[in-house]
Amino acid sequence: MKKSIYLDTTIPSYYFDERESLRYPCEITRKWWAEERQNFQVYISLETIGELNSGDYPQKGKILDFVHNLEILEQSQVINQIAEVYIQNTLMPKDQRGDAIHLAYTSFYKIDFLLTWNCNHLANANKKLHIKVINSRLGLFIPEIITPLELFTER
């Protein structure tokens, strides 16, 4: 059985980003998608789609087409409740509710990996213990939160 991955907004947006300042993570994203994506069951949420829709992306149409055929996890009030617990416990800042929701989806649906380039609020080693403590208290799965750079198959 394939491992599962949840994509936050950074993955599809970086796939199409052409800014020189983000050249390396964007190249890694495209390389990971071309070489590794087929090894995983990939999921997104309406939160991801909503963020992509509301964002100011130069290639928004291509980005939305990119995620169009990915499996969308079902919304649930429980997801919002989990995200609220994350915010109340300062796991995520109040103004980063979307990040809390991405983590809530991944935890609730027991997705193996949350794939992101958000190293401030998600893929951050300093947050791992805090996430483990909060999710353990809630009886939730503890996903690995990583960047595409960390998820290449060894050859």
Protein backbone atom coordinates (compact mmCIF):
# COMPACT_ATOMS: atom_id res chain seq x y z
CA MET A 1 0.00 0.00 0.00
CA LYS A 2 1.27 3.45 -0.91
CA LYS A 3 2.08 5.96 1.81
CA SER A 4 -0.14 9.04 1.87
CA ILE A 5 0.75 12.69 1.41
CA TYR A 6 -1.21 15.86 2.06
CA LEU A 7 -0.12 18.91 0.06
CA ASP A 8 -0.39 22.34 1.57
CA THR A 9 -0.56 25.39 -0.68
CA THR A 10 3.20 25.82 -1.02
CA ILE A 11 3.70 22.65 -3.07
CA PRO A 12 1.46 23.45 -6.06
CA SER A 13 2.37 27.13 -5.93
CA TYR A 14 6.12 26.40 -5.91
CA TYR A 15 5.68 23.96 -8.78
CA PHE A 16 4.84 26.91 -11.02
CA ASP A 17 6.78 29.69 -9.30
CA GLU A 18 9.52 31.29 -11.40
CA ARG A 19 11.03 33.75 -8.93
CA GLU A 20 14.81 33.55 -8.86
CA SER A 21 14.82 33.82 -5.06
CA LEU A 22 12.85 30.53 -4.85
CA ARG A 23 14.56 28.76 -7.74
CA TYR A 24 16.02 25.89 -5.68
CA PRO A 25 12.88 24.81 -3.77
CA CYS A 26 10.82 25.19 -6.95
CA GLU A 27 13.22 22.94 -8.89
CA ILE A 28 13.13 20.38 -6.07
CA THR A 29 9.31 20.50 -6.09
CA ARG A 30 9.15 19.84 -9.84
CA LYS A 31 11.79 17.09 -9.60
CA TRP A 32 9.95 15.42 -6.69
CA TRP A 33 6.64 15.58 -8.57
CA ALA A 34 8.19 14.06 -11.72
CA GLU A 35 10.18 11.32 -9.96
CA GLU A 36 8.35 10.48 -6.74
CA ARG A 37 4.70 11.54 -6.80
CA GLN A 38 3.55 8.23 -8.30
CA ASN A 39 4.87 6.41 -5.21
CA PHE A 40 2.28 8.08 -2.95
CA GLN A 41 -1.43 8.60 -2.57
CA VAL A 42 -1.70 12.41 -2.74
CA TYR A 43 -4.44 14.41 -1.03
CA ILE A 44 -5.42 18.04 -0.70
CA SER A 45 -8.28 19.81 1.04
CA LEU A 46 -10.71 22.57 0.25
CA GLU A 47 -8.45 24.72 2.46
CA THR A 48 -5.61 24.18 -0.01
CA ILE A 49 -7.87 24.98 -2.96
CA GLY A 50 -9.29 28.04 -1.18
CA GLU A 51 -5.85 29.41 -0.41
CA LEU A 52 -4.79 28.85 -4.01
CA ASN A 53 -7.95 30.56 -5.28
CA SER A 54 -7.52 33.57 -3.03
CA GLY A 55 -3.77 33.94 -3.50
CA ASP A 56 -2.10 36.32 -5.90
CA TYR A 57 -0.24 33.83 -8.08
CA PRO A 58 1.07 34.74 -11.55
CA GLN A 59 0.09 31.31 -12.91
CA LYS A 60 -3.04 30.75 -10.84
CA GLY A 61 -4.90 28.99 -13.66
CA LYS A 62 -2.11 26.45 -14.11
CA ILE A 63 -1.86 25.92 -10.36
CA LEU A 64 -5.60 25.25 -10.05
CA ASP A 65 -5.48 22.87 -13.03
CA PHE A 66 -2.53 21.11 -11.36
CA VAL A 67 -4.58 20.27 -8.24
CA HIS A 68 -7.84 19.65 -10.12
CA ASN A 69 -7.50 15.85 -10.27
CA LEU A 70 -6.07 15.30 -6.80
CA GLU A 71 -8.21 13.60 -4.19
CA ILE A 72 -9.89 16.10 -1.86
CA LEU A 73 -10.35 15.13 1.77
CA GLU A 74 -13.84 15.62 3.12
CA GLN A 75 -14.45 18.69 5.27
CA SER A 76 -15.52 18.14 8.85
CA GLN A 77 -16.35 20.37 11.80
CA VAL A 78 -13.86 18.24 13.74
CA ILE A 79 -11.06 19.61 11.53
CA ASN A 80 -11.93 23.17 12.59
CA GLN A 81 -12.09 22.10 16.25
CA ILE A 82 -8.66 20.48 16.04
CA ALA A 83 -7.24 23.59 14.36
CA GLU A 84 -8.70 25.71 17.15
CA VAL A 85 -6.96 23.54 19.77
CA TYR A 86 -3.68 24.02 17.88
CA ILE A 87 -4.15 27.78 17.96
CA GLN A 88 -5.25 27.85 21.62
CA ASN A 89 -2.12 25.89 22.53
CA THR A 90 0.10 28.27 20.49
CA LEU A 91 1.13 25.52 18.12
CA MET A 92 0.22 27.96 15.33
CA PRO A 93 -0.23 31.72 15.50
CA LYS A 94 -3.83 32.96 15.39
CA ASP A 95 -3.20 34.64 12.06
CA GLN A 96 -2.02 31.34 10.54
CA ARG A 97 -5.28 29.43 10.85
CA GLY A 98 -4.73 27.84 7.42
CA ASP A 99 -1.55 26.17 8.66
CA ALA A 100 -3.43 24.81 11.67
CA ILE A 101 -6.13 23.47 9.36
CA HIS A 102 -3.57 21.76 7.10
CA LEU A 103 -2.07 20.02 10.13
CA ALA A 104 -5.54 19.13 11.42
CA TYR A 105 -6.48 17.45 8.13
CA THR A 106 -3.25 15.49 8.09
CA SER A 107 -3.63 14.39 11.70
CA PHE A 108 -7.37 13.60 11.55
CA TYR A 109 -7.12 11.55 8.35
CA LYS A 110 -3.89 9.82 9.47
CA ILE A 111 -1.97 11.00 6.43
CA ASP A 112 1.66 9.84 6.62
CA PHE A 113 3.25 13.09 5.42
CA LEU A 114 2.31 16.75 5.31
CA LEU A 115 4.41 18.03 2.40
CA THR A 116 5.21 21.73 2.61
CA TRP A 117 7.80 24.43 2.09
CA ASN A 118 6.43 26.32 5.10
CA CYS A 119 9.38 25.95 7.44
CA ASN A 120 8.17 28.65 9.84
CA HIS A 121 4.92 27.10 11.03
CA LEU A 122 4.92 23.52 9.74
CA ALA A 123 8.17 21.82 8.66
CA ASN A 124 10.05 23.11 11.68
CA ALA A 125 12.06 20.83 13.96
CA ASN A 126 11.31 23.11 16.91
CA LYS A 127 7.58 22.35 16.53
CA LYS A 128 7.80 18.55 16.33
CA LEU A 129 7.68 17.88 20.07
CA HIS A 130 4.86 20.38 20.55
CA ILE A 131 2.85 18.72 17.76
CA LYS A 132 3.53 15.30 19.27
CA VAL A 133 2.33 16.45 22.71
CA ILE A 134 -0.85 18.12 21.44
CA ASN A 135 -1.78 15.31 19.05
CA SER A 136 -1.11 12.71 21.74
CA ARG A 137 -3.41 14.57 24.14
CA LEU A 138 -6.08 14.65 21.43
CA GLY A 139 -5.57 10.99 20.52
CA LEU A 140 -4.58 11.99 16.99
CA PHE A 141 -2.11 10.53 14.53
CA ILE A 142 1.25 12.33 14.40
CA PRO A 143 2.24 12.94 10.76
CA GLU A 144 5.72 13.61 9.48
CA ILE A 145 5.89 17.23 8.31
CA ILE A 146 8.56 17.55 5.67
CA THR A 147 9.70 19.31 2.53
CA PRO A 148 9.97 17.53 -0.84
CA LEU A 149 13.74 17.54 -0.38
CA GLU A 150 13.32 14.99 2.42
CA LEU A 151 11.13 12.58 0.46
CA PHE A 152 13.21 11.23 -2.39
CA THR A 153 13.64 7.49 -2.81
CA GLU A 154 17.12 6.21 -2.17
CA ARG A 155 18.63 4.79 -5.36
